[in-house]
Amino acid sequence: MRRYEVCRMEAGARGTALRSLALVAAIIVVWLPPAPAVAEGRIGVDVIVSHISSQPGKIDPRGRRIDEKLRSQIRYESLRVLLEQRLDLAINQVGAVDLPNSRRLRLRPMDIGERGVLLAVEVEGSLDSDLRIPNHHLVVFGTEAYQGGKLVISLEPSW
């Protein structure tokens, strides 16, 4: 009889210990900051290259957010996503994306501040600009004519 009581107490103590350990683990998880999308001190930039056209067609579901930004500014009937790429860049590191029109998009984060990342943006022979873009903010810009429509590039940095 005594042996049974000892086992019962150990099982009860074990259950209490496990509940306490689970509570401590839950508290630690709540207090820990979320893991960054990219390594510390680096900037991730999601690049989407799309083709818009006045020819009747569909809006690519992958370009829904781009369509929401552009619809009120530019008249077009179709939007097709041609390329999606993510760059993971350090400050002053140049990242490049080959565009469908044989040109190259170059991005270089120059600074991160309270108002966002200062990003040097260059499309060979077309665009050379510095943009300050807030974290997780989508910026869309057109570049040049392509296959009876226009190439549109969107950038969304995260850090």
Protein backbone atom coordinates (compact mmCIF):
# COMPACT_ATOMS: atom_id res chain seq x y z
CA MET A 1 0.00 0.00 0.00
CA ARG A 2 2.74 2.38 0.84
CA ARG A 3 4.53 1.78 -2.43
CA TYR A 4 1.34 2.71 -4.35
CA GLU A 5 1.05 5.99 -2.44
CA VAL A 6 4.65 6.90 -3.23
CA CYS A 7 4.13 6.27 -6.95
CA ARG A 8 0.96 8.31 -6.89
CA MET A 9 2.74 11.24 -5.29
CA GLU A 10 5.58 11.05 -7.80
CA ALA A 11 3.13 11.07 -10.67
CA GLY A 12 1.33 14.07 -9.17
CA ALA A 13 4.61 15.90 -8.60
CA ARG A 14 5.65 15.10 -12.14
CA GLY A 15 2.38 16.53 -13.51
CA THR A 16 2.84 19.71 -11.48
CA ALA A 17 6.44 20.04 -12.70
CA LEU A 18 5.37 19.57 -16.32
CA ARG A 19 2.61 22.16 -15.97
CA SER A 20 5.09 24.61 -14.40
CA LEU A 21 7.61 23.99 -17.16
CA ALA A 22 4.93 24.54 -19.83
CA LEU A 23 3.91 27.81 -18.16
CA VAL A 24 7.52 29.06 -18.07
CA ALA A 25 7.99 28.10 -21.75
CA ALA A 26 4.79 29.95 -22.71
CA ILE A 27 5.94 33.08 -20.86
CA ILE A 28 9.33 32.99 -22.59
CA VAL A 29 7.71 32.59 -26.03
CA VAL A 30 5.41 35.56 -25.38
CA TRP A 31 8.31 37.77 -24.29
CA LEU A 32 10.62 36.89 -27.17
CA PRO A 33 10.50 39.26 -30.14
CA PRO A 34 9.41 37.72 -33.45
CA ALA A 35 12.16 36.37 -35.66
CA PRO A 36 13.20 38.88 -38.33
CA ALA A 37 12.28 38.11 -41.95
CA VAL A 38 15.92 38.58 -42.91
CA ALA A 39 19.21 38.45 -41.01
CA GLU A 40 19.97 41.30 -38.59
CA GLY A 41 21.30 44.37 -40.42
CA ARG A 42 20.03 43.18 -43.80
CA ILE A 43 17.12 44.32 -45.94
CA GLY A 44 14.89 41.96 -47.87
CA VAL A 45 13.37 43.41 -51.01
CA ASP A 46 10.55 41.61 -52.81
CA VAL A 47 10.70 42.52 -56.49
CA ILE A 48 7.78 41.82 -58.84
CA VAL A 49 8.03 42.63 -62.54
CA SER A 50 4.70 42.79 -64.36
CA HIS A 51 3.39 43.59 -67.82
CA ILE A 52 0.35 45.82 -68.18
CA SER A 53 -1.48 46.24 -71.46
CA SER A 54 -4.52 47.96 -72.95
CA GLN A 55 -5.34 44.66 -74.69
CA PRO A 56 -8.25 42.79 -73.08
CA GLY A 57 -7.15 40.12 -70.68
CA LYS A 58 -7.05 39.04 -67.08
CA ILE A 59 -5.48 40.45 -63.94
CA ASP A 60 -2.95 37.92 -62.65
CA PRO A 61 -3.95 37.00 -59.07
CA ARG A 62 -0.28 37.33 -58.03
CA GLY A 63 -0.46 40.99 -59.06
CA ARG A 64 -3.62 41.84 -57.08
CA ARG A 65 -1.83 44.34 -54.78
CA ILE A 66 -0.12 45.97 -57.75
CA ASP A 67 -3.47 46.30 -59.51
CA GLU A 68 -4.97 47.95 -56.41
CA LYS A 69 -2.18 50.56 -56.46
CA LEU A 70 -2.23 51.23 -60.21
CA ARG A 71 -5.90 50.97 -61.17
CA SER A 72 -6.75 54.57 -60.25
CA GLN A 73 -3.59 56.00 -61.86
CA ILE A 74 -3.11 54.20 -65.16
CA ARG A 75 -5.62 52.84 -67.67
CA TYR A 76 -4.98 49.21 -68.66
CA GLU A 77 -7.02 46.05 -69.28
CA SER A 78 -4.62 43.26 -68.32
CA LEU A 79 -1.83 42.70 -65.83
CA ARG A 80 0.48 39.69 -65.95
CA VAL A 81 3.24 38.95 -63.43
CA LEU A 82 6.41 38.04 -65.34
CA LEU A 83 8.96 37.69 -62.56
CA GLU A 84 9.07 37.47 -58.75
CA GLN A 85 12.37 37.62 -56.91
CA ARG A 86 13.55 38.33 -53.36
CA LEU A 87 16.84 40.06 -52.71
CA ASP A 88 18.54 39.93 -49.30
CA LEU A 89 20.95 42.87 -49.14
CA ALA A 90 23.30 44.51 -46.65
CA ILE A 91 23.71 48.28 -46.53
CA ASN A 92 25.59 49.42 -49.68
CA GLN A 93 25.38 45.95 -51.26
CA VAL A 94 24.12 46.01 -54.86
CA GLY A 95 21.50 43.48 -55.89
CA ALA A 96 20.44 42.94 -59.49
CA VAL A 97 17.45 41.51 -61.30
CA ASP A 98 17.52 40.75 -65.04
CA LEU A 99 14.40 42.21 -66.63
CA PRO A 100 12.46 40.58 -69.50
CA ASN A 101 13.49 43.43 -71.84
CA SER A 102 17.21 42.52 -71.49
CA ARG A 103 17.87 45.43 -69.15
CA ARG A 104 18.91 45.11 -65.53
CA LEU A 105 17.35 46.50 -62.35
CA ARG A 106 19.91 47.36 -59.67
CA LEU A 107 19.02 48.08 -56.04
CA ARG A 108 21.31 49.32 -53.27
CA PRO A 109 20.11 50.05 -49.74
CA MET A 110 22.01 53.12 -48.52
CA ASP A 111 20.47 53.78 -45.10
CA ILE A 112 17.75 52.60 -42.72
CA GLY A 113 15.99 55.23 -40.63
CA GLU A 114 12.70 55.82 -38.86
CA ARG A 115 11.03 56.75 -42.15
CA GLY A 116 12.23 53.65 -43.99
CA VAL A 117 15.08 52.37 -46.11
CA LEU A 118 16.80 54.72 -48.55
CA LEU A 119 17.13 52.63 -51.68
CA ALA A 120 19.12 53.52 -54.80
CA VAL A 121 17.11 52.22 -57.77
CA GLU A 122 18.48 51.99 -61.30
CA VAL A 123 17.00 50.49 -64.45
CA GLU A 124 19.67 50.53 -67.14
CA GLY A 125 19.03 53.33 -69.62
CA SER A 126 15.69 54.26 -68.09
CA LEU A 127 15.63 55.21 -64.40
CA ASP A 128 18.13 56.33 -61.77
CA SER A 129 16.59 57.44 -58.48
CA ASP A 130 16.78 57.22 -54.70
CA LEU A 131 13.58 56.20 -52.91
CA ARG A 132 12.80 56.19 -49.19
CA ILE A 133 10.42 53.27 -48.62
CA PRO A 134 8.86 52.36 -45.24
CA ASN A 135 9.05 48.78 -43.94
CA HIS A 136 6.54 46.49 -45.73
CA HIS A 137 5.34 49.32 -48.01
CA LEU A 138 4.71 48.50 -51.66
CA VAL A 139 6.07 50.95 -54.24
CA VAL A 140 5.09 50.52 -57.90
CA PHE A 141 6.60 52.31 -60.89
CA GLY A 142 6.49 51.91 -64.66
CA THR A 143 9.64 51.71 -66.73
CA GLU A 144 9.21 51.45 -70.48
CA ALA A 145 7.28 49.96 -73.37
CA TYR A 146 7.39 46.20 -73.67
CA GLN A 147 5.46 43.80 -75.97
CA GLY A 148 2.66 46.22 -76.77
CA GLY A 149 2.28 47.33 -73.16
CA LYS A 150 4.48 48.53 -70.36
CA LEU A 151 6.77 46.93 -67.78
CA VAL A 152 5.85 47.72 -64.19
CA ILE A 153 8.17 47.05 -61.24
CA SER A 154 7.08 46.81 -57.63
CA LEU A 155 9.40 46.88 -54.62
CA GLU A 156 8.54 45.95 -51.06
CA PRO A 157 11.36 46.12 -48.50
CA SER A 158 11.32 44.37 -45.13
CA TRP A 159 13.78 44.29 -42.27
